[in-house]
Amino acid sequence: MTHAAICHTTTGMTELSRLTGPSAAPASGRDPQSLVILLHGYGSNGADLMGLVPYWRDALPDTAFMAPNAPEACPAAPGGYQWWALTDLARESRAAGVRQAAPPVNAFIDMHRAAYDLPNRKVALVGFSQGTMMALHVAPRRPETLAGVVGYSGMLADPEALASEVKTRPPLLLIHGDADPMVPFAAMGQAQADFQALNFEVATHTARGLGHSIDETGLRLGGDFLAWVLRGSD
């Protein structure tokens, strides 16, 4: 799971009232009792993160999985999408980007949560890289608490605004490779400190020698966390 080539230009935000992407019904064949929404990385697409689902379905047999494509096509990555045009990781660019992309993500959560008649506490977010930035921005600002967030290889996009904007405190699991050449490994510790200062429950895992990717240990920990937060909200 890696980023596609970085996009330096965009033809502008494509206004979408409804994000679309692949999904998987519960392995049990029953109606969904919980929902996991996967937010992909920069220049990737929903199908990429759906590759995580086979690792987690046995532990979450009554969970539906959905992986929306980001709202903008990524010109430098055919078939790929971006939550916002990522020309650099400067704070101002990140802050503007997550704010731009947050409304369609919230609309996606609410639309599918309502369709399955699920409370917010039965919905978890999983992000990779830029998708983690989205998950960590959206979840604490929702008026009702989500089950939890798993963030791989990401960062807190707008830490300065968090304290004044936080509404809810879902549990968080942050996982990052210490050899990541794209998103600094130090971002995990910084996000952990920022969230813990606001009384969030934050667990972290350092993937030794791992680059911008997800390894088997990260998959196992992510699955265990999802099973815990979704079962714990019964």
C-alpha atoms as a PDB file:
ATOM      1  CA  MET A   1       0.000   0.000   0.000  1.00  0.00           C
ATOM      2  CA  THR A   2       1.916   3.038  -1.170  1.00  0.00           C
ATOM      3  CA  HIS A   3       1.210   6.454  -2.522  1.00  0.00           C
ATOM      4  CA  ALA A   4       1.003   6.980  -6.245  1.00  0.00           C
ATOM      5  CA  ALA A   5       3.036   9.778  -7.790  1.00  0.00           C
ATOM      6  CA  ILE A   6       2.441  13.165  -6.216  1.00  0.00           C
ATOM      7  CA  CYS A   7       0.089  15.406  -8.180  1.00  0.00           C
ATOM      8  CA  HIS A   8       1.205  18.991  -8.624  1.00  0.00           C
ATOM      9  CA  THR A   9      -1.771  20.332 -10.537  1.00  0.00           C
ATOM     10  CA  THR A  10      -5.514  19.913 -10.465  1.00  0.00           C
ATOM     11  CA  THR A  11      -8.280  21.134 -12.694  1.00  0.00           C
ATOM     12  CA  GLY A  12     -10.232  22.225  -9.616  1.00  0.00           C
ATOM     13  CA  MET A  13     -12.476  20.673  -7.055  1.00  0.00           C
ATOM     14  CA  THR A  14     -15.135  18.430  -8.511  1.00  0.00           C
ATOM     15  CA  GLU A  15     -18.232  19.181  -6.493  1.00  0.00           C
ATOM     16  CA  LEU A  16     -19.837  15.891  -5.580  1.00  0.00           C
ATOM     17  CA  SER A  17     -22.815  15.607  -3.300  1.00  0.00           C
ATOM     18  CA  ARG A  18     -22.196  11.890  -3.039  1.00  0.00           C
ATOM     19  CA  LEU A  19     -18.884  10.050  -2.935  1.00  0.00           C
ATOM     20  CA  THR A  20     -18.856   6.620  -4.541  1.00  0.00           C
ATOM     21  CA  GLY A  21     -16.613   3.598  -4.269  1.00  0.00           C
ATOM     22  CA  PRO A  22     -16.466  -0.138  -3.647  1.00  0.00           C
ATOM     23  CA  SER A  23     -18.108  -1.859  -0.707  1.00  0.00           C
ATOM     24  CA  ALA A  24     -18.401  -5.278   0.904  1.00  0.00           C
ATOM     25  CA  ALA A  25     -21.471  -6.620   2.691  1.00  0.00           C
ATOM     26  CA  PRO A  26     -21.100  -8.419   6.035  1.00  0.00           C
ATOM     27  CA  ALA A  27     -19.487 -11.846   5.754  1.00  0.00           C
ATOM     28  CA  SER A  28     -22.306 -13.285   7.861  1.00  0.00           C
ATOM     29  CA  GLY A  29     -24.914 -12.437   5.255  1.00  0.00           C
ATOM     30  CA  ARG A  30     -26.939 -10.656   7.920  1.00  0.00           C
ATOM     31  CA  ASP A  31     -27.882  -6.998   8.008  1.00  0.00           C
ATOM     32  CA  PRO A  32     -24.938  -4.798   9.021  1.00  0.00           C
ATOM     33  CA  GLN A  33     -24.552  -4.225  12.722  1.00  0.00           C
ATOM     34  CA  SER A  34     -21.591  -1.905  12.210  1.00  0.00           C
ATOM     35  CA  LEU A  35     -19.806  -0.029   9.431  1.00  0.00           C
ATOM     36  CA  VAL A  36     -16.127   0.579   8.679  1.00  0.00           C
ATOM     37  CA  ILE A  37     -15.336   3.375   6.221  1.00  0.00           C
ATOM     38  CA  LEU A  38     -11.876   3.274   4.652  1.00  0.00           C
ATOM     39  CA  LEU A  39     -10.284   6.513   3.417  1.00  0.00           C
ATOM     40  CA  HIS A  40      -7.513   5.918   0.905  1.00  0.00           C
ATOM     41  CA  GLY A  41      -4.226   7.694   0.402  1.00  0.00           C
ATOM     42  CA  TYR A  42      -3.181  10.357  -2.065  1.00  0.00           C
ATOM     43  CA  GLY A  43      -3.318   9.294  -5.708  1.00  0.00           C
ATOM     44  CA  SER A  44      -4.949   5.976  -4.794  1.00  0.00           C
ATOM     45  CA  ASN A  45      -8.590   4.876  -4.782  1.00  0.00           C
ATOM     46  CA  GLY A  46     -11.149   3.024  -2.719  1.00  0.00           C
ATOM     47  CA  ALA A  47     -10.345  -0.309  -4.330  1.00  0.00           C
ATOM     48  CA  ASP A  48      -6.820  -0.129  -2.903  1.00  0.00           C
ATOM     49  CA  LEU A  49      -7.961  -0.037   0.723  1.00  0.00           C
ATOM     50  CA  MET A  50     -10.609  -2.674   0.109  1.00  0.00           C
ATOM     51  CA  GLY A  51      -7.609  -4.981   0.015  1.00  0.00           C
ATOM     52  CA  LEU A  52      -7.586  -4.741   3.823  1.00  0.00           C
ATOM     53  CA  VAL A  53     -11.071  -6.185   4.194  1.00  0.00           C
ATOM     54  CA  PRO A  54     -10.223  -9.902   3.790  1.00  0.00           C
ATOM     55  CA  TYR A  55      -7.901  -9.599   6.802  1.00  0.00           C
ATOM     56  CA  TRP A  56     -10.690  -8.277   9.023  1.00  0.00           C
ATOM     57  CA  ARG A  57     -13.946  -9.848   7.893  1.00  0.00           C
ATOM     58  CA  ASP A  58     -13.686 -12.978  10.045  1.00  0.00           C
ATOM     59  CA  ALA A  59     -13.326 -10.893  13.199  1.00  0.00           C
ATOM     60  CA  LEU A  60     -16.088  -8.527  12.080  1.00  0.00           C
ATOM     61  CA  PRO A  61     -18.654 -10.834  10.459  1.00  0.00           C
ATOM     62  CA  ASP A  62     -21.569  -8.419  10.844  1.00  0.00           C
ATOM     63  CA  THR A  63     -19.663  -5.361   9.608  1.00  0.00           C
ATOM     64  CA  ALA A  64     -20.097  -3.695   6.236  1.00  0.00           C
ATOM     65  CA  PHE A  65     -17.047  -2.070   4.652  1.00  0.00           C
ATOM     66  CA  MET A  66     -17.093   0.923   2.310  1.00  0.00           C
ATOM     67  CA  ALA A  67     -14.187   2.719   0.621  1.00  0.00           C
ATOM     68  CA  PRO A  68     -15.220   5.914  -1.154  1.00  0.00           C
ATOM     69  CA  ASN A  69     -13.051   7.458  -3.813  1.00  0.00           C
ATOM     70  CA  ALA A  70     -11.864  10.936  -2.899  1.00  0.00           C
ATOM     71  CA  PRO A  71     -13.731  13.784  -4.618  1.00  0.00           C
ATOM     72  CA  GLU A  72     -10.933  14.908  -6.965  1.00  0.00           C
ATOM     73  CA  ALA A  73      -9.300  12.933  -9.750  1.00  0.00           C
ATOM     74  CA  CYS A  74      -5.511  12.994  -9.441  1.00  0.00           C
ATOM     75  CA  PRO A  75      -4.130  14.066 -12.841  1.00  0.00           C
ATOM     76  CA  ALA A  76      -0.706  12.461 -12.340  1.00  0.00           C
ATOM     77  CA  ALA A  77      -2.164   9.101 -11.226  1.00  0.00           C
ATOM     78  CA  PRO A  78      -4.592   7.609 -13.760  1.00  0.00           C
ATOM     79  CA  GLY A  79      -7.412   5.934 -11.888  1.00  0.00           C
ATOM     80  CA  GLY A  80      -6.353   7.647  -8.677  1.00  0.00           C
ATOM     81  CA  TYR A  81      -7.976  10.324  -6.551  1.00  0.00           C
ATOM     82  CA  GLN A  82      -6.979  12.959  -4.032  1.00  0.00           C
ATOM     83  CA  TRP A  83      -8.809  14.443  -1.063  1.00  0.00           C
ATOM     84  CA  TRP A  84      -7.114  17.693  -1.981  1.00  0.00           C
ATOM     85  CA  ALA A  85      -4.203  18.737  -4.190  1.00  0.00           C
ATOM     86  CA  LEU A  86      -1.098  17.955  -2.190  1.00  0.00           C
ATOM     87  CA  THR A  87       1.805  20.045  -3.405  1.00  0.00           C
ATOM     88  CA  ASP A  88       3.454  20.221   0.005  1.00  0.00           C
ATOM     89  CA  LEU A  89       2.898  19.293   3.646  1.00  0.00           C
ATOM     90  CA  ALA A  90       2.864  22.873   4.947  1.00  0.00           C
ATOM     91  CA  ARG A  91       0.375  23.394   7.752  1.00  0.00           C
ATOM     92  CA  GLU A  92      -1.618  26.003   5.837  1.00  0.00           C
ATOM     93  CA  SER A  93      -2.056  23.687   2.848  1.00  0.00           C
ATOM     94  CA  ARG A  94      -3.035  20.736   5.033  1.00  0.00           C
ATOM     95  CA  ALA A  95      -5.518  22.766   7.050  1.00  0.00           C
ATOM     96  CA  ALA A  96      -7.208  24.143   3.956  1.00  0.00           C
ATOM     97  CA  GLY A  97      -7.259  20.725   2.331  1.00  0.00           C
ATOM     98  CA  VAL A  98      -8.968  18.815   5.122  1.00  0.00           C
ATOM     99  CA  ARG A  99     -11.557  21.548   5.519  1.00  0.00           C
ATOM    100  CA  GLN A 100     -12.320  21.457   1.822  1.00  0.00           C
ATOM    101  CA  ALA A 101     -12.792  17.687   1.780  1.00  0.00           C
ATOM    102  CA  ALA A 102     -14.554  17.239   5.131  1.00  0.00           C
ATOM    103  CA  PRO A 103     -18.152  17.992   4.012  1.00  0.00           C
ATOM    104  CA  PRO A 104     -18.420  15.153   1.470  1.00  0.00           C
ATOM    105  CA  VAL A 105     -16.820  12.735   3.942  1.00  0.00           C
ATOM    106  CA  ASN A 106     -19.316  13.681   6.636  1.00  0.00           C
ATOM    107  CA  ALA A 107     -22.154  13.405   4.138  1.00  0.00           C
ATOM    108  CA  PHE A 108     -20.940   9.926   3.140  1.00  0.00           C
ATOM    109  CA  ILE A 109     -20.814   8.792   6.772  1.00  0.00           C
ATOM    110  CA  ASP A 110     -24.272  10.121   7.508  1.00  0.00           C
ATOM    111  CA  MET A 111     -25.884   8.799   4.355  1.00  0.00           C
ATOM    112  CA  HIS A 112     -24.698   5.222   4.815  1.00  0.00           C
ATOM    113  CA  ARG A 113     -25.104   5.192   8.579  1.00  0.00           C
ATOM    114  CA  ALA A 114     -28.725   6.210   8.092  1.00  0.00           C
ATOM    115  CA  ALA A 115     -29.234   3.678   5.292  1.00  0.00           C
ATOM    116  CA  TYR A 116     -28.149   0.875   7.629  1.00  0.00           C
ATOM    117  CA  ASP A 117     -29.963   2.441  10.613  1.00  0.00           C
ATOM    118  CA  LEU A 118     -26.748   2.500  12.645  1.00  0.00           C
ATOM    119  CA  PRO A 119     -25.799   4.930  15.402  1.00  0.00           C
ATOM    120  CA  ASN A 120     -22.526   6.840  15.133  1.00  0.00           C
ATOM    121  CA  ARG A 121     -21.016   4.582  17.803  1.00  0.00           C
ATOM    122  CA  LYS A 122     -21.258   1.693  15.324  1.00  0.00           C
ATOM    123  CA  VAL A 123     -19.199   3.475  12.648  1.00  0.00           C
ATOM    124  CA  ALA A 124     -15.386   3.390  12.556  1.00  0.00           C
ATOM    125  CA  LEU A 125     -12.974   5.145  10.203  1.00  0.00           C
ATOM    126  CA  VAL A 126      -9.745   3.714   8.819  1.00  0.00           C
ATOM    127  CA  GLY A 127      -7.335   5.968   6.960  1.00  0.00           C
ATOM    128  CA  PHE A 128      -4.055   5.615   5.129  1.00  0.00           C
ATOM    129  CA  SER A 129      -1.763   8.631   4.670  1.00  0.00           C
ATOM    130  CA  GLN A 130      -3.894  11.499   3.345  1.00  0.00           C
ATOM    131  CA  GLY A 131      -6.928   9.428   4.283  1.00  0.00           C
ATOM    132  CA  THR A 132      -5.643   9.363   7.876  1.00  0.00           C
ATOM    133  CA  MET A 133      -5.435  13.146   7.795  1.00  0.00           C
ATOM    134  CA  MET A 134      -9.091  13.183   6.760  1.00  0.00           C
ATOM    135  CA  ALA A 135     -10.160  10.694   9.444  1.00  0.00           C
ATOM    136  CA  LEU A 136      -8.322  12.537  12.217  1.00  0.00           C
ATOM    137  CA  HIS A 137      -9.877  15.813  11.125  1.00  0.00           C
ATOM    138  CA  VAL A 138     -13.447  14.614  10.656  1.00  0.00           C
ATOM    139  CA  ALA A 139     -13.951  12.277  13.602  1.00  0.00           C
ATOM    140  CA  PRO A 140     -13.314  14.678  16.520  1.00  0.00           C
ATOM    141  CA  ARG A 141     -15.527  17.343  14.947  1.00  0.00           C
ATOM    142  CA  ARG A 142     -18.610  15.178  14.604  1.00  0.00           C
ATOM    143  CA  PRO A 143     -21.352  15.973  17.115  1.00  0.00           C
ATOM    144  CA  GLU A 144     -21.833  12.316  18.066  1.00  0.00           C
ATOM    145  CA  THR A 145     -18.947  10.020  18.895  1.00  0.00           C
ATOM    146  CA  LEU A 146     -17.807   7.492  16.316  1.00  0.00           C
ATOM    147  CA  ALA A 147     -16.633   4.051  17.435  1.00  0.00           C
ATOM    148  CA  GLY A 148     -12.984   4.788  16.686  1.00  0.00           C
ATOM    149  CA  VAL A 149     -10.306   5.669  14.160  1.00  0.00           C
ATOM    150  CA  VAL A 150      -7.378   3.644  12.826  1.00  0.00           C
ATOM    151  CA  GLY A 151      -4.783   5.867  11.160  1.00  0.00           C
ATOM    152  CA  TYR A 152      -1.924   4.400   9.138  1.00  0.00           C
ATOM    153  CA  SER A 153       1.074   6.482   8.007  1.00  0.00           C
ATOM    154  CA  GLY A 154      -0.642   9.818   8.495  1.00  0.00           C
ATOM    155  CA  MET A 155      -0.575  13.007  10.517  1.00  0.00           C
ATOM    156  CA  LEU A 156      -2.793  15.555  12.211  1.00  0.00           C
ATOM    157  CA  ALA A 157      -3.413  18.088   9.457  1.00  0.00           C
ATOM    158  CA  ASP A 158      -4.503  21.101  11.501  1.00  0.00           C
ATOM    159  CA  PRO A 159      -3.343  20.674  15.106  1.00  0.00           C
ATOM    160  CA  GLU A 160      -3.671  24.355  15.996  1.00  0.00           C
ATOM    161  CA  ALA A 161      -7.454  24.330  15.484  1.00  0.00           C
ATOM    162  CA  LEU A 162      -8.175  21.028  17.217  1.00  0.00           C
ATOM    163  CA  ALA A 163      -8.588  22.281  20.780  1.00  0.00           C
ATOM    164  CA  SER A 164     -11.196  24.876  19.833  1.00  0.00           C
ATOM    165  CA  GLU A 165     -13.114  22.603  17.461  1.00  0.00           C
ATOM    166  CA  VAL A 166     -13.190  19.195  19.152  1.00  0.00           C
ATOM    167  CA  LYS A 167     -16.712  17.961  19.877  1.00  0.00           C
ATOM    168  CA  THR A 168     -16.227  14.252  20.548  1.00  0.00           C
ATOM    169  CA  ARG A 169     -13.360  11.965  21.529  1.00  0.00           C
ATOM    170  CA  PRO A 170     -13.401   8.582  19.785  1.00  0.00           C
ATOM    171  CA  PRO A 171     -10.551   6.204  20.650  1.00  0.00           C
ATOM    172  CA  LEU A 172      -7.639   6.329  18.231  1.00  0.00           C
ATOM    173  CA  LEU A 173      -5.035   3.853  16.997  1.00  0.00           C
ATOM    174  CA  LEU A 174      -2.077   5.370  15.127  1.00  0.00           C
ATOM    175  CA  ILE A 175       0.393   3.147  13.267  1.00  0.00           C
ATOM    176  CA  HIS A 176       3.438   4.406  11.387  1.00  0.00           C
ATOM    177  CA  GLY A 177       6.623   2.998   9.899  1.00  0.00           C
ATOM    178  CA  ASP A 178       9.803   4.530  11.274  1.00  0.00           C
ATOM    179  CA  ALA A 179      11.379   4.436   7.792  1.00  0.00           C
ATOM    180  CA  ASP A 180       8.541   6.323   6.088  1.00  0.00           C
ATOM    181  CA  PRO A 181      10.046   8.611   3.414  1.00  0.00           C
ATOM    182  CA  MET A 182       6.788  10.401   2.586  1.00  0.00           C
ATOM    183  CA  VAL A 183       5.012  11.325   5.825  1.00  0.00           C
ATOM    184  CA  PRO A 184       7.481  11.901   8.675  1.00  0.00           C
ATOM    185  CA  PHE A 185       7.448   9.222  11.346  1.00  0.00           C
ATOM    186  CA  ALA A 186       7.593  11.967  13.970  1.00  0.00           C
ATOM    187  CA  ALA A 187       4.069  12.977  12.935  1.00  0.00           C
ATOM    188  CA  MET A 188       2.678  10.008  14.871  1.00  0.00           C
ATOM    189  CA  GLY A 189       4.187  11.131  18.162  1.00  0.00           C
ATOM    190  CA  GLN A 190       3.113  14.708  17.548  1.00  0.00           C
ATOM    191  CA  ALA A 191      -0.469  13.645  16.871  1.00  0.00           C
ATOM    192  CA  GLN A 192      -0.462  11.401  19.927  1.00  0.00           C
ATOM    193  CA  ALA A 193       0.674  14.280  22.147  1.00  0.00           C
ATOM    194  CA  ASP A 194      -1.869  16.698  20.688  1.00  0.00           C
ATOM    195  CA  PHE A 195      -4.767  14.288  21.143  1.00  0.00           C
ATOM    196  CA  GLN A 196      -3.737  13.117  24.599  1.00  0.00           C
ATOM    197  CA  ALA A 197      -3.495  16.732  25.736  1.00  0.00           C
ATOM    198  CA  LEU A 198      -7.221  16.919  24.966  1.00  0.00           C
ATOM    199  CA  ASN A 199      -8.001  13.696  26.871  1.00  0.00           C
ATOM    200  CA  PHE A 200      -8.335  11.367  23.886  1.00  0.00           C
ATOM    201  CA  GLU A 201      -7.573   7.679  24.332  1.00  0.00           C
ATOM    202  CA  VAL A 202      -4.684   7.092  21.922  1.00  0.00           C
ATOM    203  CA  ALA A 203      -2.774   3.880  21.200  1.00  0.00           C
ATOM    204  CA  THR A 204       0.238   3.841  18.884  1.00  0.00           C
ATOM    205  CA  HIS A 205       2.449   1.293  17.190  1.00  0.00           C
ATOM    206  CA  THR A 206       5.847   1.835  15.596  1.00  0.00           C
ATOM    207  CA  ALA A 207       6.499  -0.431  12.630  1.00  0.00           C
ATOM    208  CA  ARG A 208      10.261  -0.903  12.723  1.00  0.00           C
ATOM    209  CA  GLY A 209      11.967  -0.549   9.349  1.00  0.00           C
ATOM    210  CA  LEU A 210       8.692  -0.027   7.498  1.00  0.00           C
ATOM    211  CA  GLY A 211       8.275   2.658   4.861  1.00  0.00           C
ATOM    212  CA  HIS A 212       5.050   4.234   3.646  1.00  0.00           C
ATOM    213  CA  SER A 213       2.994   1.079   3.868  1.00  0.00           C
ATOM    214  CA  ILE A 214       1.038  -1.306   6.096  1.00  0.00           C
ATOM    215  CA  ASP A 215       2.578  -4.553   7.339  1.00  0.00           C
ATOM    216  CA  GLU A 216       1.041  -7.704   8.789  1.00  0.00           C
ATOM    217  CA  THR A 217       1.423  -6.532  12.367  1.00  0.00           C
ATOM    218  CA  GLY A 218      -0.332  -3.287  11.491  1.00  0.00           C
ATOM    219  CA  LEU A 219      -3.148  -5.223   9.869  1.00  0.00           C
ATOM    220  CA  ARG A 220      -3.576  -7.423  12.927  1.00  0.00           C
ATOM    221  CA  LEU A 221      -3.534  -4.503  15.338  1.00  0.00           C
ATOM    222  CA  GLY A 222      -5.997  -2.573  13.194  1.00  0.00           C
ATOM    223  CA  GLY A 223      -8.379  -5.510  13.069  1.00  0.00           C
ATOM    224  CA  ASP A 224      -8.136  -6.120  16.809  1.00  0.00           C
ATOM    225  CA  PHE A 225      -8.826  -2.452  17.495  1.00  0.00           C
ATOM    226  CA  LEU A 226     -11.859  -2.360  15.190  1.00  0.00           C
ATOM    227  CA  ALA A 227     -13.293  -5.503  16.770  1.00  0.00           C
ATOM    228  CA  TRP A 228     -12.776  -4.009  20.231  1.00  0.00           C
ATOM    229  CA  VAL A 229     -14.334  -0.594  19.567  1.00  0.00           C
ATOM    230  CA  LEU A 230     -17.272  -1.946  17.588  1.00  0.00           C
ATOM    231  CA  ARG A 231     -18.048  -4.710  20.078  1.00  0.00           C
ATOM    232  CA  GLY A 232     -17.468  -2.379  22.990  1.00  0.00           C
ATOM    233  CA  SER A 233     -20.196  -0.058  21.785  1.00  0.00           C
ATOM    234  CA  ASP A 234     -22.921  -2.724  22.114  1.00  0.00           C
END
